Amino acid sequence: MVTAEGASSSPGRVPALRLTGTNSFVKRTRRTLRFDPVSILLSAAVALSPFLVWRIPGAFFTVSDGLIVIAGFVWVVRGAMGAKRGPGGSRAELVWTFGVGLLVFSLGLFSVWNGDASRGLLVVGQYGFALGLLPVLASRLGGDRIEVLIRWYLVGTGVVAGYGVLAYYLAPDLPWVNWVGGRVGSLLENPNHLSKAIAVAFPFLLRWGYVELRSLPLVLLLAALFVGGLLVSSSFGGLLAAVFSIGLFLVLSGQVRAAVLILVAAGCAAFIFFASGIEAPEIFVTRVMPLLDSRQALNDAGSFNEKVALATQAWDNIGRNPLSGMGADMFEKISITRVPVHNTYLLLWVEGGIGALVGFMMAMVAALMLCLKAWRSGDRILGASCVATVSGFLFVSLTNTHVYGRFWVVPVVLSGVACSALEKRKSDVGAEPRVHRR
């Protein structure tokens, strides 16, 4: 059983940012969030953030976004604007705020100057909403409530992955399932997005299983759904991102035993899976398995050659004018394949200028600063999971376009705010948290 040392009334102790393992997930949620409509709304919002299909037709505004807006409205109406803040106010938060401001200012400026002003305002609004409003609301919550938000985010991601697995094996005509060349996009529509979202969420899931043994059956179920989602989405990039984020978590957490158990569990699961007669998705066998052979040419991985050509064209444009940008969504109008470059860093640079790229990186560095501080001097397991989550997001951004979708931003925001909450607890009590097993 996992407990937080100092959970009693002894002075000088800081309860670690984790559940104690004495209550079920649902009971803990009910006890932690009751009588707090903002926390309840945000829990629902993060759980539904991967449900991309549930949005207004012709607009990038989902049910999850609506819940965030309502939470913000309730927060203002209740007079919380001037209330004492939760985690936040640190140097990292200031860096985040300045970086987000620089990103939206630079992207908006060059959209008005060189591109389509109306389109630029839409993209700037999306980034401002994702990187501005959600962190502001989440930073007002206490550590226990942030922990519950993380769990509901994992449940929502697991449901989306499980829905895709169900569609592939049993009900291909399910509503809201998007098929791309035999690959399942599930409620996220895009198979690549599904696999990468799972990859980014995996470190949080591993930590949950480590710190709360009582929830281990639920964690194992979600892990099985995550793996199933990786298989039916059949994205080589998503698989690499999952290996990267899981490996980084295990290295930073120092959990050698956990790594061995994961390998053993994976081997047993694979044996049971294939012994039961269920076959791996054909699209995974034909599209991804050959790429695991080191002798296979890298340019066979999906649309690798096309993405390299787009990146080369973006570099050429940046080389001609490295300071200014051409405006939001303007690159795809001149690209050789009429699609944006699949690299978030290059896309922000070529469309928003160097300011947009610097602003984005400042925000990500701020999140990493908080996570690394928690890893070095606070809760090592929490810090490791958050560093791996943010790093996984940065990894998948190498092959993404714009990342203002809330399903991308939610895990990064939760990582930063969770570690900021831990830092606030330390400053309030004047001691560092320690965790032990009994």
Foldseek 3Di string as FASTA:
>chain_A
DWFWPPPDPDFQAFGALADGQPDDLVVLLCVQCPPPLLLVLLLVLLLCLLLQLQADPPARAHPSNVSLVVSVVVCVVVVVPPPDAFFDPDPLNVLLVVLLVLQLVLQQVLCVVFHPNVVSVRLSVLSCSQSPSVLRSLRRDFSSSLLSSLVSNLVSLLVQLQQQLCCLPPNVPDPCWADDPQATCGSNNALLVSLLLLLLSVLVLLLNVVRHVSCVVVSVSSVVSNVSSCQRSQAQLSVVLNCQLVVQLCVQLVPPVSVVVVVVVVVVVVCVCVVVVHDGRPCNVVQPVVVVPVVDDPCSRDNVVLLVQLLVVLVVLCVVPQAHANHPLVSLVVGPNSDHRQAALSQSCRNRHPSSNSSVVSSLVSLLVLLVVCCPFAPVSLSSSLNSSSVSLNSSNRGHHDDSRNSSSVSSSSSSSSSSSQVVSCVVSVHGIDIDDD
